[in-house]
C-alpha atoms as a PDB file:
ATOM      1  CA  UNK A   1      21.656 -22.789   4.645  1.00  0.00           C
ATOM      2  CA  UNK A   2      24.727 -20.728   3.761  1.00  0.00           C
ATOM      3  CA  UNK A   3      25.042 -16.948   3.764  1.00  0.00           C
ATOM      4  CA  UNK A   4      25.288 -16.909  -0.040  1.00  0.00           C
ATOM      5  CA  UNK A   5      21.998 -18.780  -0.304  1.00  0.00           C
ATOM      6  CA  UNK A   6      20.275 -16.349   2.040  1.00  0.00           C
ATOM      7  CA  UNK A   7      21.594 -13.357   0.087  1.00  0.00           C
ATOM      8  CA  UNK A   8      20.475 -14.900  -3.196  1.00  0.00           C
ATOM      9  CA  UNK A   9      16.958 -15.495  -1.836  1.00  0.00           C
ATOM     10  CA  UNK A  10      16.851 -11.943  -0.491  1.00  0.00           C
ATOM     11  CA  UNK A  11      17.946 -10.591  -3.882  1.00  0.00           C
ATOM     12  CA  UNK A  12      15.234 -12.533  -5.716  1.00  0.00           C
ATOM     13  CA  UNK A  13      12.609 -11.452  -3.196  1.00  0.00           C
ATOM     14  CA  UNK A  14      13.626  -7.797  -3.596  1.00  0.00           C
ATOM     15  CA  UNK A  15      13.564  -8.148  -7.369  1.00  0.00           C
ATOM     16  CA  UNK A  16      10.020  -9.546  -7.329  1.00  0.00           C
ATOM     17  CA  UNK A  17       8.891  -6.945  -4.797  1.00  0.00           C
ATOM     18  CA  UNK A  18      10.127  -4.081  -6.960  1.00  0.00           C
ATOM     19  CA  UNK A  19       8.384  -5.487 -10.043  1.00  0.00           C
ATOM     20  CA  UNK A  20       5.082  -5.824  -8.191  1.00  0.00           C
ATOM     21  CA  UNK A  21       5.486  -2.316  -6.740  1.00  0.00           C
ATOM     22  CA  UNK A  22       5.984  -0.921 -10.257  1.00  0.00           C
ATOM     23  CA  UNK A  23       2.944  -2.787 -11.579  1.00  0.00           C
ATOM     24  CA  UNK A  24       0.838  -1.609  -8.637  1.00  0.00           C
ATOM     25  CA  UNK A  25       1.882   2.015  -9.147  1.00  0.00           C
ATOM     26  CA  UNK A  26       1.069   1.930 -12.863  1.00  0.00           C
ATOM     27  CA  UNK A  27      -2.310   0.256 -12.323  1.00  0.00           C
ATOM     28  CA  UNK A  28      -3.174   2.713  -9.555  1.00  0.00           C
ATOM     29  CA  UNK A  29      -2.315   5.639 -11.824  1.00  0.00           C
ATOM     30  CA  UNK A  30      -4.287   4.326 -14.811  1.00  0.00           C
ATOM     31  CA  UNK A  31      -7.187   2.449 -13.229  1.00  0.00           C
ATOM     32  CA  UNK A  32      -9.689   5.316 -13.635  1.00  0.00           C
ATOM     33  CA  UNK A  33      -8.551   6.198 -17.130  1.00  0.00           C
ATOM     34  CA  UNK A  34     -11.216   5.707 -19.780  1.00  0.00           C
ATOM     35  CA  UNK A  35      -8.636   4.628 -22.367  1.00  0.00           C
ATOM     36  CA  UNK A  36      -7.364   1.998 -19.949  1.00  0.00           C
ATOM     37  CA  UNK A  37     -10.859   0.559 -19.464  1.00  0.00           C
ATOM     38  CA  UNK A  38     -11.479   0.347 -23.197  1.00  0.00           C
ATOM     39  CA  UNK A  39      -8.040  -1.137 -23.838  1.00  0.00           C
ATOM     40  CA  UNK A  40      -8.582  -3.825 -21.214  1.00  0.00           C
ATOM     41  CA  UNK A  41     -11.789  -4.852 -22.946  1.00  0.00           C
ATOM     42  CA  UNK A  42      -9.922  -4.948 -26.256  1.00  0.00           C
ATOM     43  CA  UNK A  43      -7.156  -7.151 -24.822  1.00  0.00           C
ATOM     44  CA  UNK A  44      -9.735  -9.595 -23.429  1.00  0.00           C
ATOM     45  CA  UNK A  45     -11.396  -9.809 -26.850  1.00  0.00           C
ATOM     46  CA  UNK A  46      -8.042 -10.401 -28.597  1.00  0.00           C
ATOM     47  CA  UNK A  47      -7.133 -13.175 -26.138  1.00  0.00           C
ATOM     48  CA  UNK A  48     -10.541 -14.818 -26.600  1.00  0.00           C
ATOM     49  CA  UNK A  49     -10.201 -14.696 -30.403  1.00  0.00           C
ATOM     50  CA  UNK A  50      -6.680 -16.130 -30.159  1.00  0.00           C
ATOM     51  CA  UNK A  51      -7.849 -19.085 -28.045  1.00  0.00           C
ATOM     52  CA  UNK A  52     -10.779 -19.783 -30.359  1.00  0.00           C
ATOM     53  CA  UNK A  53      -8.659 -19.552 -33.515  1.00  0.00           C
ATOM     54  CA  UNK A  54      -6.015 -21.904 -32.086  1.00  0.00           C
ATOM     55  CA  UNK A  55      -8.673 -24.347 -30.912  1.00  0.00           C
ATOM     56  CA  UNK A  56     -10.431 -24.437 -34.270  1.00  0.00           C
ATOM     57  CA  UNK A  57      -7.174 -24.194 -36.243  1.00  0.00           C
ATOM     58  CA  UNK A  58      -8.269 -21.036 -38.072  1.00  0.00           C
ATOM     59  CA  UNK A  59      -5.035 -20.116 -39.830  1.00  0.00           C
ATOM     60  CA  UNK A  60      -5.970 -16.731 -41.308  1.00  0.00           C
ATOM     61  CA  UNK A  61      -7.487 -15.222 -38.171  1.00  0.00           C
ATOM     62  CA  UNK A  62      -4.717 -16.704 -36.042  1.00  0.00           C
ATOM     63  CA  UNK A  63      -2.112 -14.991 -38.248  1.00  0.00           C
ATOM     64  CA  UNK A  64      -3.893 -11.638 -37.897  1.00  0.00           C
ATOM     65  CA  UNK A  65      -4.156 -11.965 -34.121  1.00  0.00           C
ATOM     66  CA  UNK A  66      -0.461 -12.864 -33.849  1.00  0.00           C
ATOM     67  CA  UNK A  67       0.335  -9.740 -35.851  1.00  0.00           C
ATOM     68  CA  UNK A  68      -1.784  -7.620 -33.492  1.00  0.00           C
ATOM     69  CA  UNK A  69      -0.107  -9.121 -30.407  1.00  0.00           C
ATOM     70  CA  UNK A  70       3.330  -8.464 -31.891  1.00  0.00           C
ATOM     71  CA  UNK A  71       2.637  -4.733 -32.145  1.00  0.00           C
ATOM     72  CA  UNK A  72       0.697  -4.324 -28.882  1.00  0.00           C
ATOM     73  CA  UNK A  73       3.704  -3.110 -26.793  1.00  0.00           C
ATOM     74  CA  UNK A  74       4.420  -0.311 -29.270  1.00  0.00           C
ATOM     75  CA  UNK A  75       0.724   0.538 -29.425  1.00  0.00           C
ATOM     76  CA  UNK A  76       0.547   0.793 -25.642  1.00  0.00           C
ATOM     77  CA  UNK A  77       3.435   3.236 -25.549  1.00  0.00           C
ATOM     78  CA  UNK A  78       1.828   5.413 -28.222  1.00  0.00           C
ATOM     79  CA  UNK A  79      -1.683   5.322 -26.764  1.00  0.00           C
ATOM     80  CA  UNK A  80      -0.638   5.841 -23.154  1.00  0.00           C
ATOM     81  CA  UNK A  81       2.226   8.249 -23.752  1.00  0.00           C
ATOM     82  CA  UNK A  82       0.483  11.143 -21.900  1.00  0.00           C
ATOM     83  CA  UNK A  83      -0.539   8.918 -18.989  1.00  0.00           C
ATOM     84  CA  UNK A  84       2.926   7.341 -18.693  1.00  0.00           C
ATOM     85  CA  UNK A  85       4.541  10.787 -18.695  1.00  0.00           C
ATOM     86  CA  UNK A  86       2.032  11.984 -16.096  1.00  0.00           C
ATOM     87  CA  UNK A  87       2.734   8.998 -13.848  1.00  0.00           C
ATOM     88  CA  UNK A  88       6.489   9.622 -14.037  1.00  0.00           C
ATOM     89  CA  UNK A  89       5.999  13.336 -13.335  1.00  0.00           C
ATOM     90  CA  UNK A  90       3.826  12.498 -10.337  1.00  0.00           C
ATOM     91  CA  UNK A  91       6.526  10.194  -9.029  1.00  0.00           C
ATOM     92  CA  UNK A  92       9.038  13.023  -9.403  1.00  0.00           C
ATOM     93  CA  UNK A  93       6.740  15.479  -7.605  1.00  0.00           C
ATOM     94  CA  UNK A  94       6.213  13.203  -4.626  1.00  0.00           C
ATOM     95  CA  UNK A  95       7.879  14.549  -1.516  1.00  0.00           C
ATOM     96  CA  UNK A  96       9.138  12.504   1.426  1.00  0.00           C
ATOM     97  CA  UNK A  97       7.558  14.932   3.875  1.00  0.00           C
ATOM     98  CA  UNK A  98       4.565  17.045   2.882  1.00  0.00           C
ATOM     99  CA  UNK A  99       4.012  20.372   4.619  1.00  0.00           C
ATOM    100  CA  UNK A 100       0.898  19.019   6.338  1.00  0.00           C
ATOM    101  CA  UNK A 101       3.109  16.534   8.194  1.00  0.00           C
ATOM    102  CA  UNK A 102       5.194  19.321   9.702  1.00  0.00           C
ATOM    103  CA  UNK A 103       2.199  20.845  11.467  1.00  0.00           C
ATOM    104  CA  UNK A 104       1.675  20.284  15.159  1.00  0.00           C
ATOM    105  CA  UNK A 105      -1.621  18.845  16.349  1.00  0.00           C
ATOM    106  CA  UNK A 106      -2.930  22.269  17.386  1.00  0.00           C
ATOM    107  CA  UNK A 107      -1.903  23.826  14.044  1.00  0.00           C
ATOM    108  CA  UNK A 108      -3.578  21.024  12.121  1.00  0.00           C
ATOM    109  CA  UNK A 109      -6.791  21.336  14.138  1.00  0.00           C
ATOM    110  CA  UNK A 110      -6.813  25.138  13.711  1.00  0.00           C
ATOM    111  CA  UNK A 111      -6.389  24.827   9.938  1.00  0.00           C
ATOM    112  CA  UNK A 112      -9.246  22.333   9.676  1.00  0.00           C
ATOM    113  CA  UNK A 113     -11.404  24.524  11.939  1.00  0.00           C
ATOM    114  CA  UNK A 114     -10.832  27.584   9.740  1.00  0.00           C
ATOM    115  CA  UNK A 115     -11.629  25.595   6.581  1.00  0.00           C
ATOM    116  CA  UNK A 116     -14.839  24.055   7.935  1.00  0.00           C
ATOM    117  CA  UNK A 117     -15.957  27.394   9.384  1.00  0.00           C
ATOM    118  CA  UNK A 118     -15.489  28.999   5.958  1.00  0.00           C
ATOM    119  CA  UNK A 119     -17.385  26.158   4.270  1.00  0.00           C
ATOM    120  CA  UNK A 120     -20.268  26.585   6.714  1.00  0.00           C
ATOM    121  CA  UNK A 121     -20.351  30.343   6.141  1.00  0.00           C
ATOM    122  CA  UNK A 122     -20.284  29.954   2.351  1.00  0.00           C
ATOM    123  CA  UNK A 123     -23.002  27.313   2.496  1.00  0.00           C
ATOM    124  CA  UNK A 124     -25.299  29.641   4.440  1.00  0.00           C
ATOM    125  CA  UNK A 125     -24.695  32.377   1.849  1.00  0.00           C
ATOM    126  CA  UNK A 126     -25.371  29.909  -1.014  1.00  0.00           C
ATOM    127  CA  UNK A 127     -21.933  30.285  -2.547  1.00  0.00           C
ATOM    128  CA  UNK A 128     -19.844  27.501  -4.090  1.00  0.00           C
ATOM    129  CA  UNK A 129     -16.216  26.667  -3.367  1.00  0.00           C
ATOM    130  CA  UNK A 130     -13.359  24.371  -4.348  1.00  0.00           C
ATOM    131  CA  UNK A 131     -10.598  24.001  -1.749  1.00  0.00           C
ATOM    132  CA  UNK A 132      -7.659  21.679  -2.406  1.00  0.00           C
ATOM    133  CA  UNK A 133      -5.279  20.579   0.351  1.00  0.00           C
ATOM    134  CA  UNK A 134      -1.859  19.487  -0.882  1.00  0.00           C
ATOM    135  CA  UNK A 135      -0.299  16.437   0.744  1.00  0.00           C
ATOM    136  CA  UNK A 136       2.790  14.512  -0.442  1.00  0.00           C
ATOM    137  CA  UNK A 137       2.427  15.114  -4.200  1.00  0.00           C
ATOM    138  CA  UNK A 138       3.420  18.674  -5.073  1.00  0.00           C
ATOM    139  CA  UNK A 139       0.867  20.935  -6.781  1.00  0.00           C
ATOM    140  CA  UNK A 140       3.500  23.532  -7.696  1.00  0.00           C
ATOM    141  CA  UNK A 141       2.564  23.440 -11.404  1.00  0.00           C
ATOM    142  CA  UNK A 142      -0.982  24.561 -10.603  1.00  0.00           C
ATOM    143  CA  UNK A 143       0.198  27.135  -8.056  1.00  0.00           C
ATOM    144  CA  UNK A 144       2.593  28.711 -10.563  1.00  0.00           C
ATOM    145  CA  UNK A 145      -0.273  29.236 -13.012  1.00  0.00           C
ATOM    146  CA  UNK A 146      -2.616  30.759 -10.415  1.00  0.00           C
ATOM    147  CA  UNK A 147      -2.931  33.920  -8.361  1.00  0.00           C
ATOM    148  CA  UNK A 148      -0.391  33.433  -5.566  1.00  0.00           C
ATOM    149  CA  UNK A 149      -1.448  34.484  -2.067  1.00  0.00           C
ATOM    150  CA  UNK A 150       0.701  32.739   0.570  1.00  0.00           C
ATOM    151  CA  UNK A 151      -1.340  33.847   3.553  1.00  0.00           C
ATOM    152  CA  UNK A 152      -2.424  32.086   6.732  1.00  0.00           C
ATOM    153  CA  UNK A 153      -5.556  29.969   6.408  1.00  0.00           C
ATOM    154  CA  UNK A 154      -8.421  31.909   7.958  1.00  0.00           C
ATOM    155  CA  UNK A 155     -12.154  31.607   7.573  1.00  0.00           C
ATOM    156  CA  UNK A 156     -12.711  35.279   6.590  1.00  0.00           C
ATOM    157  CA  UNK A 157     -10.048  35.104   3.859  1.00  0.00           C
ATOM    158  CA  UNK A 158     -11.447  31.880   2.363  1.00  0.00           C
ATOM    159  CA  UNK A 159     -14.960  33.316   2.469  1.00  0.00           C
ATOM    160  CA  UNK A 160     -13.793  36.505   0.765  1.00  0.00           C
ATOM    161  CA  UNK A 161     -12.024  34.569  -2.011  1.00  0.00           C
ATOM    162  CA  UNK A 162     -15.197  32.681  -2.934  1.00  0.00           C
ATOM    163  CA  UNK A 163     -17.497  35.700  -2.602  1.00  0.00           C
ATOM    164  CA  UNK A 164     -19.503  35.771  -5.802  1.00  0.00           C
ATOM    165  CA  UNK A 165     -18.284  39.229  -6.891  1.00  0.00           C
ATOM    166  CA  UNK A 166     -14.639  38.363  -6.313  1.00  0.00           C
ATOM    167  CA  UNK A 167     -12.800  37.772  -9.639  1.00  0.00           C
ATOM    168  CA  UNK A 168     -11.004  34.807  -8.023  1.00  0.00           C
ATOM    169  CA  UNK A 169     -14.118  32.917  -6.939  1.00  0.00           C
ATOM    170  CA  UNK A 170     -14.493  30.731 -10.064  1.00  0.00           C
ATOM    171  CA  UNK A 171     -11.226  28.812  -9.619  1.00  0.00           C
ATOM    172  CA  UNK A 172      -9.923  26.675  -6.792  1.00  0.00           C
ATOM    173  CA  UNK A 173      -7.825  27.456  -3.742  1.00  0.00           C
ATOM    174  CA  UNK A 174      -4.713  25.408  -2.928  1.00  0.00           C
ATOM    175  CA  UNK A 175      -3.618  25.073   0.698  1.00  0.00           C
ATOM    176  CA  UNK A 176      -0.101  23.978   1.672  1.00  0.00           C
ATOM    177  CA  UNK A 177       0.160  23.115   5.345  1.00  0.00           C
ATOM    178  CA  UNK A 178      -1.473  26.071   7.133  1.00  0.00           C
ATOM    179  CA  UNK A 179      -0.979  28.537   4.238  1.00  0.00           C
ATOM    180  CA  UNK A 180      -3.269  29.498   1.363  1.00  0.00           C
ATOM    181  CA  UNK A 181      -0.799  29.183  -1.514  1.00  0.00           C
ATOM    182  CA  UNK A 182      -2.990  30.474  -4.326  1.00  0.00           C
ATOM    183  CA  UNK A 183      -6.475  31.128  -5.640  1.00  0.00           C
ATOM    184  CA  UNK A 184      -8.183  30.993  -9.041  1.00  0.00           C
ATOM    185  CA  UNK A 185      -6.416  27.728  -9.849  1.00  0.00           C
ATOM    186  CA  UNK A 186      -7.715  25.673 -12.777  1.00  0.00           C
ATOM    187  CA  UNK A 187      -7.683  21.885 -12.444  1.00  0.00           C
ATOM    188  CA  UNK A 188      -8.194  19.121 -15.037  1.00  0.00           C
ATOM    189  CA  UNK A 189     -11.707  17.709 -15.060  1.00  0.00           C
ATOM    190  CA  UNK A 190     -12.250  13.990 -14.633  1.00  0.00           C
ATOM    191  CA  UNK A 191     -13.350  11.991 -17.675  1.00  0.00           C
ATOM    192  CA  UNK A 192     -14.243   8.913 -15.639  1.00  0.00           C
ATOM    193  CA  UNK A 193     -17.324   7.066 -16.905  1.00  0.00           C
ATOM    194  CA  UNK A 194     -18.484   6.541 -13.333  1.00  0.00           C
ATOM    195  CA  UNK A 195     -18.987  10.268 -12.679  1.00  0.00           C
ATOM    196  CA  UNK A 196     -22.648  11.247 -12.532  1.00  0.00           C
ATOM    197  CA  UNK A 197     -23.789  13.616 -15.256  1.00  0.00           C
ATOM    198  CA  UNK A 198     -25.572  15.644 -12.583  1.00  0.00           C
ATOM    199  CA  UNK A 199     -22.260  16.783 -11.103  1.00  0.00           C
ATOM    200  CA  UNK A 200     -20.996  20.193 -12.162  1.00  0.00           C
ATOM    201  CA  UNK A 201     -17.603  21.518 -13.201  1.00  0.00           C
ATOM    202  CA  UNK A 202     -16.359  21.971  -9.624  1.00  0.00           C
ATOM    203  CA  UNK A 203     -17.020  18.349  -8.743  1.00  0.00           C
ATOM    204  CA  UNK A 204     -15.357  17.108 -11.927  1.00  0.00           C
ATOM    205  CA  UNK A 205     -12.356  19.354 -11.294  1.00  0.00           C
ATOM    206  CA  UNK A 206     -12.088  18.053  -7.721  1.00  0.00           C
ATOM    207  CA  UNK A 207     -12.162  14.470  -8.975  1.00  0.00           C
ATOM    208  CA  UNK A 208      -9.680  15.311 -11.730  1.00  0.00           C
ATOM    209  CA  UNK A 209      -7.026  16.754  -9.410  1.00  0.00           C
ATOM    210  CA  UNK A 210      -7.584  13.953  -6.885  1.00  0.00           C
ATOM    211  CA  UNK A 211      -6.942  11.413  -9.653  1.00  0.00           C
ATOM    212  CA  UNK A 212      -3.621  13.043 -10.481  1.00  0.00           C
ATOM    213  CA  UNK A 213      -2.363  13.559  -6.920  1.00  0.00           C
ATOM    214  CA  UNK A 214      -2.955  12.503  -3.313  1.00  0.00           C
ATOM    215  CA  UNK A 215      -4.598  15.821  -2.415  1.00  0.00           C
ATOM    216  CA  UNK A 216      -7.884  16.364  -0.595  1.00  0.00           C
ATOM    217  CA  UNK A 217     -10.410  18.359  -2.660  1.00  0.00           C
ATOM    218  CA  UNK A 218     -13.372  19.916  -0.868  1.00  0.00           C
ATOM    219  CA  UNK A 219     -16.345  20.898  -3.030  1.00  0.00           C
ATOM    220  CA  UNK A 220     -19.247  23.058  -1.932  1.00  0.00           C
ATOM    221  CA  UNK A 221     -22.147  23.049  -4.354  1.00  0.00           C
ATOM    222  CA  UNK A 222     -23.537  26.497  -5.101  1.00  0.00           C
ATOM    223  CA  UNK A 223     -26.923  25.076  -6.146  1.00  0.00           C
ATOM    224  CA  UNK A 224     -27.565  22.546  -3.360  1.00  0.00           C
ATOM    225  CA  UNK A 225     -25.198  23.633  -0.581  1.00  0.00           C
ATOM    226  CA  UNK A 226     -23.974  20.038  -0.256  1.00  0.00           C
ATOM    227  CA  UNK A 227     -20.422  19.326   0.841  1.00  0.00           C
ATOM    228  CA  UNK A 228     -18.287  16.700  -0.915  1.00  0.00           C
ATOM    229  CA  UNK A 229     -14.716  15.491  -0.554  1.00  0.00           C
ATOM    230  CA  UNK A 230     -12.657  13.952  -3.371  1.00  0.00           C
ATOM    231  CA  UNK A 231      -9.853  11.564  -2.383  1.00  0.00           C
ATOM    232  CA  UNK A 232      -7.836   9.416  -4.813  1.00  0.00           C
ATOM    233  CA  UNK A 233     -10.476   9.751  -7.517  1.00  0.00           C
ATOM    234  CA  UNK A 234     -13.391   8.856  -5.219  1.00  0.00           C
ATOM    235  CA  UNK A 235     -16.087  11.365  -4.267  1.00  0.00           C
ATOM    236  CA  UNK A 236     -17.584  11.322  -0.777  1.00  0.00           C
ATOM    237  CA  UNK A 237     -20.856  13.088  -1.534  1.00  0.00           C
ATOM    238  CA  UNK A 238     -23.171  15.078   0.738  1.00  0.00           C
ATOM    239  CA  UNK A 239     -21.080  15.074   3.909  1.00  0.00           C
ATOM    240  CA  UNK A 240     -22.121  16.865   7.072  1.00  0.00           C
ATOM    241  CA  UNK A 241     -19.822  19.556   8.421  1.00  0.00           C
ATOM    242  CA  UNK A 242     -18.757  17.284  11.289  1.00  0.00           C
ATOM    243  CA  UNK A 243     -18.074  14.381   8.916  1.00  0.00           C
ATOM    244  CA  UNK A 244     -15.892  16.675   6.790  1.00  0.00           C
ATOM    245  CA  UNK A 245     -13.950  17.838   9.851  1.00  0.00           C
ATOM    246  CA  UNK A 246     -13.306  14.301  11.099  1.00  0.00           C
ATOM    247  CA  UNK A 247     -12.245  13.065   7.666  1.00  0.00           C
ATOM    248  CA  UNK A 248      -9.856  15.972   7.119  1.00  0.00           C
ATOM    249  CA  UNK A 249      -8.177  15.428  10.488  1.00  0.00           C
ATOM    250  CA  UNK A 250      -7.797  11.713   9.730  1.00  0.00           C
ATOM    251  CA  UNK A 251      -6.381  12.247   6.244  1.00  0.00           C
ATOM    252  CA  UNK A 252      -3.987  15.035   7.272  1.00  0.00           C
ATOM    253  CA  UNK A 253      -2.586  13.193  10.287  1.00  0.00           C
ATOM    254  CA  UNK A 254       0.930  11.858   9.530  1.00  0.00           C
ATOM    255  CA  UNK A 255       1.864   8.221  10.280  1.00  0.00           C
ATOM    256  CA  UNK A 256       2.626   7.627  13.938  1.00  0.00           C
ATOM    257  CA  UNK A 257       6.360   7.259  13.249  1.00  0.00           C
ATOM    258  CA  UNK A 258       6.482  10.647  11.510  1.00  0.00           C
ATOM    259  CA  UNK A 259       4.418  12.609  14.003  1.00  0.00           C
ATOM    260  CA  UNK A 260       6.063  15.933  14.615  1.00  0.00           C
ATOM    261  CA  UNK A 261       3.799  16.582  17.536  1.00  0.00           C
ATOM    262  CA  UNK A 262       5.084  14.222  20.233  1.00  0.00           C
ATOM    263  CA  UNK A 263       3.396  13.533  23.533  1.00  0.00           C
ATOM    264  CA  UNK A 264       5.733  16.055  25.140  1.00  0.00           C
ATOM    265  CA  UNK A 265       4.607  18.789  22.726  1.00  0.00           C
ATOM    266  CA  UNK A 266       0.957  17.949  23.390  1.00  0.00           C
ATOM    267  CA  UNK A 267       1.509  18.325  27.127  1.00  0.00           C
ATOM    268  CA  UNK A 268       3.294  21.624  26.596  1.00  0.00           C
ATOM    269  CA  UNK A 269       0.411  22.925  24.482  1.00  0.00           C
ATOM    270  CA  UNK A 270      -2.098  21.927  27.143  1.00  0.00           C
ATOM    271  CA  UNK A 271      -0.046  23.596  29.866  1.00  0.00           C
ATOM    272  CA  UNK A 272       0.150  26.818  27.865  1.00  0.00           C
END
């Protein structure tokens, strides 16, 4: 096998890999979209009608189906224009290194401790909360339209923000790394058909922002005191405080190759 042959095979493999990566990204972005679900059903029906019409030699219906298929690409662009734009914007907002990855192990554990302590305190006082932790996809658009804070994450501050008489308590809090970036942030609510009608606005907002980014959205129900965590459009409902803590630490931990906190830093922290 010559070098030219190897390079040609590598080029074809890369070409196919990029196509599949693009398809995967688009499907991942649109898979929970109601329009996408309905459109998929429509495409299946059109294909079934096409096969039946060709098999039975139904000229009129076959002509109509061919006409529909001819204009499908344009229809997709028109129907999914907002979703396509959103997917491209999300790709542009994705950062190579989120702020959570720059935290040391002790900083990450302290941040999670402060968050879970605040959630426990709010739960005991029967107050609701929506806390969003930014990861690789930037939430700058939501921060810019909210009340900016940029203060260290502490349990008393989070508790004060969601105190029922505080004018900021209705919206959500966005955390970047170990900083509270803003409060009173408004997020898009999920329109997924799989969302239970019993869930309130906070839960739908948590699911909505988790569908549009890779963030972690913590929801504390004011009525039931139950803790939930939304990740990638999925809702982990009724978690214990310890389960929430473990899941946050797992999700916020960077890949082993990107760990800022090396074994040497861990040893230094323990010595200090």
